[in-house]
Amino acid sequence: MKILIAGLGLIGGSMAKALKRCGRAADGFDREEVAARALKEGAIEGIASEFCGYDLVLVALPPDAAMRFIGENTFRDGAIVADLCGVKGEIARFVRSAPRNFFYVGCHPMAGKEVSGFENSCADLFDGASMIVVRERDTDERSARFLEEMFKNVGFGRIVCCGAEEHDRKIAYTSQLAHIVSNAYVKSETANGYAGFTGGSFQDMTRIAGVDEAVWTRLYFLNRKNILAELETLLSHLKEYAAALEGEDEAALARLLYEGRLRKEELDRMNARR
């Protein structure tokens, strides 16, 4: 099988290296200097200029670039074209907006780092991580099964299947909201001179604050309806804590903390069963 990876940044570069580790060679496509480096380091077998000769095309580009790449290029009849973007609904709607001669499957690897670029890619980035594979009524079953098996061989520990809209609702909460909260949290002037005053909780809260605004702004806007709903829910809960403190109501604050602890324990039990 001939494989192409379009986009050789952190995710695409790591996918190329992980595929090579498990015995699958891939060609790559990116800016000239990035593709040349990937080739020199042996992450890819060759640099692609045309795309109609590949059986599998993995698109590891930002969403708008991914849609342009899919819409403006020619692929082999019956090829599998799978994007690895962090939003799924917008891309799925775009792919369905015109007849296609390939089988499209939306995918999202739940792995990453606080840094980006091919220079930070690694073969073990996906080891033990989850891969979300979008399955809907028009998803080709054979293509989805093939990808799921390949992702297991690459090192993913769990394959999660869902629809595109469910994906975007979940990711708005588990990823995008978390990044926004972390980014907002570090804006407090109290953070100045924090050395010596921090423990694990501060590190946990600030680890993902350094988002690349050039990438994440667009991701947030493509999923803004779901993110806004989660932000509104979070703000309503925070107002309850603020009201308890302002009202000097220790019983109310204790109740809120108790409810949060019970909810966390419930979530831990639910995840342990999966």
C-alpha atoms as a PDB file:
ATOM      1  CA  MET A   1       0.000   0.000   0.000  1.00  0.00           C
ATOM      2  CA  LYS A   2       1.296   3.450  -0.954  1.00  0.00           C
ATOM      3  CA  ILE A   3       0.842   5.987   1.855  1.00  0.00           C
ATOM      4  CA  LEU A   4       1.129   9.767   1.759  1.00  0.00           C
ATOM      5  CA  ILE A   5       1.199  12.098   4.740  1.00  0.00           C
ATOM      6  CA  ALA A   6       0.284  15.679   3.847  1.00  0.00           C
ATOM      7  CA  GLY A   7       1.629  17.954   6.563  1.00  0.00           C
ATOM      8  CA  LEU A   8       4.779  16.945   8.435  1.00  0.00           C
ATOM      9  CA  GLY A   9       4.464  18.955  11.616  1.00  0.00           C
ATOM     10  CA  LEU A  10       4.231  17.449  15.083  1.00  0.00           C
ATOM     11  CA  ILE A  11       1.327  15.121  14.246  1.00  0.00           C
ATOM     12  CA  GLY A  12       2.171  14.295  10.629  1.00  0.00           C
ATOM     13  CA  GLY A  13       5.873  13.906  11.351  1.00  0.00           C
ATOM     14  CA  SER A  14       5.182  11.673  14.328  1.00  0.00           C
ATOM     15  CA  MET A  15       2.764   9.610  12.227  1.00  0.00           C
ATOM     16  CA  ALA A  16       5.453   9.147   9.562  1.00  0.00           C
ATOM     17  CA  LYS A  17       7.974   8.004  12.167  1.00  0.00           C
ATOM     18  CA  ALA A  18       5.460   5.723  13.909  1.00  0.00           C
ATOM     19  CA  LEU A  19       4.469   4.124  10.602  1.00  0.00           C
ATOM     20  CA  LYS A  20       8.113   3.516   9.748  1.00  0.00           C
ATOM     21  CA  ARG A  21       8.669   1.954  13.176  1.00  0.00           C
ATOM     22  CA  CYS A  22       5.941  -0.610  12.481  1.00  0.00           C
ATOM     23  CA  GLY A  23       7.194  -1.366   8.981  1.00  0.00           C
ATOM     24  CA  ARG A  24       5.036   0.909   6.832  1.00  0.00           C
ATOM     25  CA  ALA A  25       6.854   3.433   4.652  1.00  0.00           C
ATOM     26  CA  ALA A  26       5.169   6.730   3.750  1.00  0.00           C
ATOM     27  CA  ASP A  27       5.906   9.606   1.426  1.00  0.00           C
ATOM     28  CA  GLY A  28       5.422  13.162   2.622  1.00  0.00           C
ATOM     29  CA  PHE A  29       4.246  16.557   1.451  1.00  0.00           C
ATOM     30  CA  ASP A  30       4.941  19.896   3.110  1.00  0.00           C
ATOM     31  CA  ARG A  31       6.898  23.081   2.580  1.00  0.00           C
ATOM     32  CA  GLU A  32      10.108  22.344   0.735  1.00  0.00           C
ATOM     33  CA  GLU A  33      12.411  22.795   3.730  1.00  0.00           C
ATOM     34  CA  VAL A  34      10.226  20.690   6.033  1.00  0.00           C
ATOM     35  CA  ALA A  35       9.827  17.846   3.545  1.00  0.00           C
ATOM     36  CA  ALA A  36      13.566  17.899   2.816  1.00  0.00           C
ATOM     37  CA  ARG A  37      14.390  17.573   6.494  1.00  0.00           C
ATOM     38  CA  ALA A  38      11.921  14.712   6.940  1.00  0.00           C
ATOM     39  CA  LEU A  39      13.477  12.928   3.983  1.00  0.00           C
ATOM     40  CA  LYS A  40      17.031  13.509   5.200  1.00  0.00           C
ATOM     41  CA  GLU A  41      16.178  12.126   8.637  1.00  0.00           C
ATOM     42  CA  GLY A  42      14.514   9.072   7.105  1.00  0.00           C
ATOM     43  CA  ALA A  43      11.022   9.786   8.416  1.00  0.00           C
ATOM     44  CA  ILE A  44       9.607   9.587   4.880  1.00  0.00           C
ATOM     45  CA  GLU A  45      10.604   7.603   1.818  1.00  0.00           C
ATOM     46  CA  GLY A  46      10.028  10.336  -0.739  1.00  0.00           C
ATOM     47  CA  ILE A  47       8.537  13.771  -1.340  1.00  0.00           C
ATOM     48  CA  ALA A  48       5.214  13.847  -3.194  1.00  0.00           C
ATOM     49  CA  SER A  49       4.267  16.395  -5.839  1.00  0.00           C
ATOM     50  CA  GLU A  50       1.167  14.583  -7.111  1.00  0.00           C
ATOM     51  CA  PHE A  51      -1.297  12.611  -5.045  1.00  0.00           C
ATOM     52  CA  CYS A  52      -3.260  10.356  -7.385  1.00  0.00           C
ATOM     53  CA  GLY A  53      -0.878   7.421  -6.960  1.00  0.00           C
ATOM     54  CA  TYR A  54      -1.573   6.781  -3.268  1.00  0.00           C
ATOM     55  CA  ASP A  55      -3.898   4.251  -1.675  1.00  0.00           C
ATOM     56  CA  LEU A  56      -4.009   6.101   1.657  1.00  0.00           C
ATOM     57  CA  VAL A  57      -3.649   9.853   2.184  1.00  0.00           C
ATOM     58  CA  LEU A  58      -3.376  11.100   5.771  1.00  0.00           C
ATOM     59  CA  VAL A  59      -3.987  14.848   5.942  1.00  0.00           C
ATOM     60  CA  ALA A  60      -2.234  16.336   8.965  1.00  0.00           C
ATOM     61  CA  LEU A  61      -2.807  20.002   8.138  1.00  0.00           C
ATOM     62  CA  PRO A  62      -4.772  22.731   9.954  1.00  0.00           C
ATOM     63  CA  PRO A  63      -8.495  22.495   9.143  1.00  0.00           C
ATOM     64  CA  ASP A  64      -8.704  25.188   6.453  1.00  0.00           C
ATOM     65  CA  ALA A  65      -5.534  23.949   4.758  1.00  0.00           C
ATOM     66  CA  ALA A  66      -6.825  20.377   5.032  1.00  0.00           C
ATOM     67  CA  MET A  67     -10.063  21.299   3.276  1.00  0.00           C
ATOM     68  CA  ARG A  68      -8.169  23.127   0.539  1.00  0.00           C
ATOM     69  CA  PHE A  69      -5.849  20.159   0.090  1.00  0.00           C
ATOM     70  CA  ILE A  70      -8.750  17.722  -0.155  1.00  0.00           C
ATOM     71  CA  GLY A  71     -10.800  19.952  -2.437  1.00  0.00           C
ATOM     72  CA  GLU A  72      -8.102  21.098  -4.831  1.00  0.00           C
ATOM     73  CA  ASN A  73      -6.223  17.859  -5.526  1.00  0.00           C
ATOM     74  CA  THR A  74      -6.875  14.642  -7.404  1.00  0.00           C
ATOM     75  CA  PHE A  75      -6.772  11.295  -5.629  1.00  0.00           C
ATOM     76  CA  ARG A  76      -6.858   7.721  -6.829  1.00  0.00           C
ATOM     77  CA  ASP A  77     -10.302   6.198  -7.377  1.00  0.00           C
ATOM     78  CA  GLY A  78     -11.213   4.320  -4.225  1.00  0.00           C
ATOM     79  CA  ALA A  79      -8.345   5.754  -2.170  1.00  0.00           C
ATOM     80  CA  ILE A  80      -8.777   6.384   1.547  1.00  0.00           C
ATOM     81  CA  VAL A  81      -8.408  10.045   2.495  1.00  0.00           C
ATOM     82  CA  ALA A  82      -8.355  10.643   6.253  1.00  0.00           C
ATOM     83  CA  ASP A  83      -7.790  13.954   7.999  1.00  0.00           C
ATOM     84  CA  LEU A  84      -6.201  14.167  11.453  1.00  0.00           C
ATOM     85  CA  CYS A  85      -7.673  17.539  12.445  1.00  0.00           C
ATOM     86  CA  GLY A  86      -9.030  18.621  15.818  1.00  0.00           C
ATOM     87  CA  VAL A  87     -12.497  19.436  14.458  1.00  0.00           C
ATOM     88  CA  LYS A  88     -14.612  17.034  12.469  1.00  0.00           C
ATOM     89  CA  GLY A  89     -18.029  18.496  11.655  1.00  0.00           C
ATOM     90  CA  GLU A  90     -16.831  21.332   9.432  1.00  0.00           C
ATOM     91  CA  ILE A  91     -14.517  19.067   7.442  1.00  0.00           C
ATOM     92  CA  ALA A  92     -17.119  16.316   7.073  1.00  0.00           C
ATOM     93  CA  ARG A  93     -19.628  18.844   5.724  1.00  0.00           C
ATOM     94  CA  PHE A  94     -17.043  20.129   3.265  1.00  0.00           C
ATOM     95  CA  VAL A  95     -16.194  16.660   1.977  1.00  0.00           C
ATOM     96  CA  ARG A  96     -19.881  15.836   1.526  1.00  0.00           C
ATOM     97  CA  SER A  97     -20.513  19.091  -0.356  1.00  0.00           C
ATOM     98  CA  ALA A  98     -19.362  17.581  -3.661  1.00  0.00           C
ATOM     99  CA  PRO A  99     -19.083  14.135  -5.263  1.00  0.00           C
ATOM    100  CA  ARG A 100     -15.837  12.375  -4.308  1.00  0.00           C
ATOM    101  CA  ASN A 101     -14.042   9.449  -5.912  1.00  0.00           C
ATOM    102  CA  PHE A 102     -12.380   8.463  -2.636  1.00  0.00           C
ATOM    103  CA  PHE A 103     -13.446   7.151   0.769  1.00  0.00           C
ATOM    104  CA  TYR A 104     -13.234   9.824   3.466  1.00  0.00           C
ATOM    105  CA  VAL A 105     -12.746   9.002   7.158  1.00  0.00           C
ATOM    106  CA  GLY A 106     -12.336  11.687   9.806  1.00  0.00           C
ATOM    107  CA  CYS A 107      -9.765  10.873  12.502  1.00  0.00           C
ATOM    108  CA  HIS A 108      -8.318  12.702  15.513  1.00  0.00           C
ATOM    109  CA  PRO A 109      -5.292  11.469  17.473  1.00  0.00           C
ATOM    110  CA  MET A 110      -5.608  12.445  21.128  1.00  0.00           C
ATOM    111  CA  ALA A 111      -1.924  13.146  21.598  1.00  0.00           C
ATOM    112  CA  GLY A 112       0.340  16.144  21.357  1.00  0.00           C
ATOM    113  CA  LYS A 113       2.893  18.355  23.028  1.00  0.00           C
ATOM    114  CA  GLU A 114       3.134  21.979  24.107  1.00  0.00           C
ATOM    115  CA  VAL A 115       5.443  22.509  21.127  1.00  0.00           C
ATOM    116  CA  SER A 116       4.866  22.035  17.402  1.00  0.00           C
ATOM    117  CA  GLY A 117       6.788  21.367  14.202  1.00  0.00           C
ATOM    118  CA  PHE A 118       8.570  18.430  12.634  1.00  0.00           C
ATOM    119  CA  GLU A 119      11.590  19.027  14.852  1.00  0.00           C
ATOM    120  CA  ASN A 120       9.486  17.985  17.855  1.00  0.00           C
ATOM    121  CA  SER A 121       7.912  14.913  16.233  1.00  0.00           C
ATOM    122  CA  CYS A 122       8.697  11.454  17.595  1.00  0.00           C
ATOM    123  CA  ALA A 123       7.820   7.839  16.817  1.00  0.00           C
ATOM    124  CA  ASP A 124       6.307   7.181  20.249  1.00  0.00           C
ATOM    125  CA  LEU A 125       4.001  10.211  20.459  1.00  0.00           C
ATOM    126  CA  PHE A 126       0.901   8.043  20.024  1.00  0.00           C
ATOM    127  CA  ASP A 127       1.920   5.112  22.235  1.00  0.00           C
ATOM    128  CA  GLY A 128      -1.018   4.294  24.498  1.00  0.00           C
ATOM    129  CA  ALA A 129      -3.045   7.295  23.305  1.00  0.00           C
ATOM    130  CA  SER A 130      -6.603   7.298  21.975  1.00  0.00           C
ATOM    131  CA  MET A 131      -7.473   7.694  18.313  1.00  0.00           C
ATOM    132  CA  ILE A 132     -10.963   8.906  17.471  1.00  0.00           C
ATOM    133  CA  VAL A 133     -12.358   7.484  14.226  1.00  0.00           C
ATOM    134  CA  VAL A 134     -15.540   9.111  12.948  1.00  0.00           C
ATOM    135  CA  ARG A 135     -18.130   6.607  11.800  1.00  0.00           C
ATOM    136  CA  GLU A 136     -21.336   7.847  10.217  1.00  0.00           C
ATOM    137  CA  ARG A 137     -23.922   6.452   7.820  1.00  0.00           C
ATOM    138  CA  ASP A 138     -21.831   7.247   4.758  1.00  0.00           C
ATOM    139  CA  THR A 139     -18.512   6.038   6.216  1.00  0.00           C
ATOM    140  CA  ASP A 140     -17.008   3.162   4.235  1.00  0.00           C
ATOM    141  CA  GLU A 141     -16.779   0.226   6.633  1.00  0.00           C
ATOM    142  CA  ARG A 142     -13.708  -1.381   5.078  1.00  0.00           C
ATOM    143  CA  SER A 143     -11.793   1.887   5.118  1.00  0.00           C
ATOM    144  CA  ALA A 144     -12.654   2.565   8.751  1.00  0.00           C
ATOM    145  CA  ARG A 145     -11.658  -0.975   9.794  1.00  0.00           C
ATOM    146  CA  PHE A 146      -8.375  -0.735   7.910  1.00  0.00           C
ATOM    147  CA  LEU A 147      -7.503   2.546   9.617  1.00  0.00           C
ATOM    148  CA  GLU A 148      -8.419   1.221  13.044  1.00  0.00           C
ATOM    149  CA  GLU A 149      -6.084  -1.749  12.620  1.00  0.00           C
ATOM    150  CA  MET A 150      -3.300   0.432  11.286  1.00  0.00           C
ATOM    151  CA  PHE A 151      -3.618   2.852  14.192  1.00  0.00           C
ATOM    152  CA  LYS A 152      -3.386  -0.017  16.672  1.00  0.00           C
ATOM    153  CA  ASN A 153      -0.174  -1.161  14.975  1.00  0.00           C
ATOM    154  CA  VAL A 154       1.185   2.377  15.137  1.00  0.00           C
ATOM    155  CA  GLY A 155       0.843   2.308  18.924  1.00  0.00           C
ATOM    156  CA  PHE A 156      -2.533   3.779  19.834  1.00  0.00           C
ATOM    157  CA  GLY A 157      -3.926   2.161  22.959  1.00  0.00           C
ATOM    158  CA  ARG A 158      -7.603   2.856  22.324  1.00  0.00           C
ATOM    159  CA  ILE A 159      -9.782   3.413  19.263  1.00  0.00           C
ATOM    160  CA  VAL A 160     -12.924   5.448  19.966  1.00  0.00           C
ATOM    161  CA  CYS A 161     -15.696   5.638  17.362  1.00  0.00           C
ATOM    162  CA  CYS A 162     -18.326   8.387  17.246  1.00  0.00           C
ATOM    163  CA  GLY A 163     -20.085  10.791  14.906  1.00  0.00           C
ATOM    164  CA  ALA A 164     -18.572  14.095  13.828  1.00  0.00           C
ATOM    165  CA  GLU A 165     -20.966  16.216  15.891  1.00  0.00           C
ATOM    166  CA  GLU A 166     -20.425  14.146  19.026  1.00  0.00           C
ATOM    167  CA  HIS A 167     -16.677  14.466  18.523  1.00  0.00           C
ATOM    168  CA  ASP A 168     -16.893  18.244  18.358  1.00  0.00           C
ATOM    169  CA  ARG A 169     -19.085  18.470  21.478  1.00  0.00           C
ATOM    170  CA  LYS A 170     -16.738  16.264  23.487  1.00  0.00           C
ATOM    171  CA  ILE A 171     -13.532  17.943  22.279  1.00  0.00           C
ATOM    172  CA  ALA A 172     -14.957  21.392  23.062  1.00  0.00           C
ATOM    173  CA  TYR A 173     -15.032  20.265  26.701  1.00  0.00           C
ATOM    174  CA  THR A 174     -12.059  17.922  27.094  1.00  0.00           C
ATOM    175  CA  SER A 175      -9.520  19.882  25.043  1.00  0.00           C
ATOM    176  CA  GLN A 176     -10.507  23.292  23.754  1.00  0.00           C
ATOM    177  CA  LEU A 177     -12.154  24.590  26.935  1.00  0.00           C
ATOM    178  CA  ALA A 178      -9.181  23.331  28.972  1.00  0.00           C
ATOM    179  CA  HIS A 179      -6.750  25.298  26.795  1.00  0.00           C
ATOM    180  CA  ILE A 180      -8.834  28.467  27.076  1.00  0.00           C
ATOM    181  CA  VAL A 181      -9.089  28.152  30.876  1.00  0.00           C
ATOM    182  CA  SER A 182      -5.331  27.610  31.192  1.00  0.00           C
ATOM    183  CA  ASN A 183      -4.602  30.534  28.884  1.00  0.00           C
ATOM    184  CA  ALA A 184      -6.881  32.820  30.905  1.00  0.00           C
ATOM    185  CA  TYR A 185      -5.584  31.554  34.264  1.00  0.00           C
ATOM    186  CA  VAL A 186      -2.000  32.754  33.669  1.00  0.00           C
ATOM    187  CA  LYS A 187      -3.168  36.343  33.010  1.00  0.00           C
ATOM    188  CA  SER A 188      -3.521  37.077  36.735  1.00  0.00           C
ATOM    189  CA  GLU A 189      -0.914  39.541  38.048  1.00  0.00           C
ATOM    190  CA  THR A 190      -0.603  37.274  41.073  1.00  0.00           C
ATOM    191  CA  ALA A 191       1.341  34.900  38.827  1.00  0.00           C
ATOM    192  CA  ASN A 192       4.270  37.358  38.889  1.00  0.00           C
ATOM    193  CA  GLY A 193       7.060  35.963  41.044  1.00  0.00           C
ATOM    194  CA  TYR A 194       5.387  32.589  41.505  1.00  0.00           C
ATOM    195  CA  ALA A 195       8.686  30.713  42.052  1.00  0.00           C
ATOM    196  CA  GLY A 196       8.624  28.920  45.386  1.00  0.00           C
ATOM    197  CA  PHE A 197       4.861  29.208  45.730  1.00  0.00           C
ATOM    198  CA  THR A 198       3.807  26.454  43.344  1.00  0.00           C
ATOM    199  CA  GLY A 199       3.146  22.757  43.464  1.00  0.00           C
ATOM    200  CA  GLY A 200       1.640  20.263  41.077  1.00  0.00           C
ATOM    201  CA  SER A 201      -1.687  22.078  40.860  1.00  0.00           C
ATOM    202  CA  PHE A 202      -0.121  25.202  39.354  1.00  0.00           C
ATOM    203  CA  GLN A 203       1.839  23.143  36.850  1.00  0.00           C
ATOM    204  CA  ASP A 204      -1.317  21.236  35.881  1.00  0.00           C
ATOM    205  CA  MET A 205      -3.275  24.451  35.387  1.00  0.00           C
ATOM    206  CA  THR A 206      -0.626  26.247  33.327  1.00  0.00           C
ATOM    207  CA  ARG A 207       0.897  23.438  31.250  1.00  0.00           C
ATOM    208  CA  ILE A 208      -1.269  24.088  28.188  1.00  0.00           C
ATOM    209  CA  ALA A 209      -1.517  27.882  28.448  1.00  0.00           C
ATOM    210  CA  GLY A 210       1.032  28.492  25.704  1.00  0.00           C
ATOM    211  CA  VAL A 211      -1.249  27.750  22.772  1.00  0.00           C
ATOM    212  CA  ASP A 212      -0.203  28.754  19.266  1.00  0.00           C
ATOM    213  CA  GLU A 213      -2.798  31.410  18.517  1.00  0.00           C
ATOM    214  CA  ALA A 214      -2.232  31.075  14.774  1.00  0.00           C
ATOM    215  CA  VAL A 215      -3.492  27.495  14.981  1.00  0.00           C
ATOM    216  CA  TRP A 216      -5.914  27.443  17.886  1.00  0.00           C
ATOM    217  CA  THR A 217      -7.894  30.598  17.098  1.00  0.00           C
ATOM    218  CA  ARG A 218      -9.219  29.033  13.908  1.00  0.00           C
ATOM    219  CA  LEU A 219      -9.887  25.697  15.629  1.00  0.00           C
ATOM    220  CA  TYR A 220     -11.946  27.485  18.274  1.00  0.00           C
ATOM    221  CA  PHE A 221     -13.956  29.400  15.684  1.00  0.00           C
ATOM    222  CA  LEU A 222     -14.719  26.257  13.691  1.00  0.00           C
ATOM    223  CA  ASN A 223     -16.192  24.767  16.876  1.00  0.00           C
ATOM    224  CA  ARG A 224     -17.359  27.988  18.534  1.00  0.00           C
ATOM    225  CA  LYS A 225     -20.968  26.912  19.201  1.00  0.00           C
ATOM    226  CA  ASN A 226     -19.873  23.966  21.328  1.00  0.00           C
ATOM    227  CA  ILE A 227     -17.106  25.928  23.064  1.00  0.00           C
ATOM    228  CA  LEU A 228     -19.475  28.772  23.930  1.00  0.00           C
ATOM    229  CA  ALA A 229     -21.911  26.310  25.501  1.00  0.00           C
ATOM    230  CA  GLU A 230     -19.129  24.849  27.654  1.00  0.00           C
ATOM    231  CA  LEU A 231     -17.811  28.288  28.615  1.00  0.00           C
ATOM    232  CA  GLU A 232     -21.277  29.380  29.686  1.00  0.00           C
ATOM    233  CA  THR A 233     -21.683  26.246  31.807  1.00  0.00           C
ATOM    234  CA  LEU A 234     -18.291  26.773  33.446  1.00  0.00           C
ATOM    235  CA  LEU A 235     -18.970  30.445  34.150  1.00  0.00           C
ATOM    236  CA  SER A 236     -22.317  29.620  35.752  1.00  0.00           C
ATOM    237  CA  HIS A 237     -20.614  27.146  38.085  1.00  0.00           C
ATOM    238  CA  LEU A 238     -17.817  29.585  38.957  1.00  0.00           C
ATOM    239  CA  LYS A 239     -20.418  32.206  39.837  1.00  0.00           C
ATOM    240  CA  GLU A 240     -21.861  29.783  42.408  1.00  0.00           C
ATOM    241  CA  TYR A 241     -18.467  29.505  44.127  1.00  0.00           C
ATOM    242  CA  ALA A 242     -18.011  33.280  44.002  1.00  0.00           C
ATOM    243  CA  ALA A 243     -21.478  33.835  45.498  1.00  0.00           C
ATOM    244  CA  ALA A 244     -20.714  31.470  48.386  1.00  0.00           C
ATOM    245  CA  LEU A 245     -17.484  33.305  49.156  1.00  0.00           C
ATOM    246  CA  GLU A 246     -19.018  36.762  48.800  1.00  0.00           C
ATOM    247  CA  GLY A 247     -21.900  35.753  51.042  1.00  0.00           C
ATOM    248  CA  GLU A 248     -19.537  34.221  53.621  1.00  0.00           C
ATOM    249  CA  ASP A 249     -21.598  31.049  53.320  1.00  0.00           C
ATOM    250  CA  GLU A 250     -19.269  28.221  54.343  1.00  0.00           C
ATOM    251  CA  ALA A 251     -22.053  25.647  54.159  1.00  0.00           C
ATOM    252  CA  ALA A 252     -22.797  26.569  50.527  1.00  0.00           C
ATOM    253  CA  LEU A 253     -19.106  26.407  49.604  1.00  0.00           C
ATOM    254  CA  ALA A 254     -18.735  23.043  51.327  1.00  0.00           C
ATOM    255  CA  ARG A 255     -21.756  21.756  49.396  1.00  0.00           C
ATOM    256  CA  LEU A 256     -20.294  22.909  46.086  1.00  0.00           C
ATOM    257  CA  LEU A 257     -16.946  21.300  46.831  1.00  0.00           C
ATOM    258  CA  TYR A 258     -18.697  18.097  47.942  1.00  0.00           C
ATOM    259  CA  GLU A 259     -20.730  17.978  44.732  1.00  0.00           C
ATOM    260  CA  GLY A 260     -17.578  18.468  42.664  1.00  0.00           C
ATOM    261  CA  ARG A 261     -15.763  15.710  44.525  1.00  0.00           C
ATOM    262  CA  LEU A 262     -18.663  13.294  44.017  1.00  0.00           C
ATOM    263  CA  ARG A 263     -18.773  14.163  40.328  1.00  0.00           C
ATOM    264  CA  LYS A 264     -15.021  13.514  39.979  1.00  0.00           C
ATOM    265  CA  GLU A 265     -15.371  10.146  41.733  1.00  0.00           C
ATOM    266  CA  GLU A 266     -18.291   9.264  39.453  1.00  0.00           C
ATOM    267  CA  LEU A 267     -16.238  10.128  36.369  1.00  0.00           C
ATOM    268  CA  ASP A 268     -13.314   8.039  37.632  1.00  0.00           C
ATOM    269  CA  ARG A 269     -15.602   5.028  38.094  1.00  0.00           C
ATOM    270  CA  MET A 270     -17.133   5.477  34.648  1.00  0.00           C
ATOM    271  CA  ASN A 271     -13.729   5.663  32.956  1.00  0.00           C
ATOM    272  CA  ALA A 272     -12.389   2.690  34.922  1.00  0.00           C
ATOM    273  CA  ARG A 273     -15.151   0.496  33.447  1.00  0.00           C
ATOM    274  CA  ARG A 274     -14.167   1.324  29.855  1.00  0.00           C
END
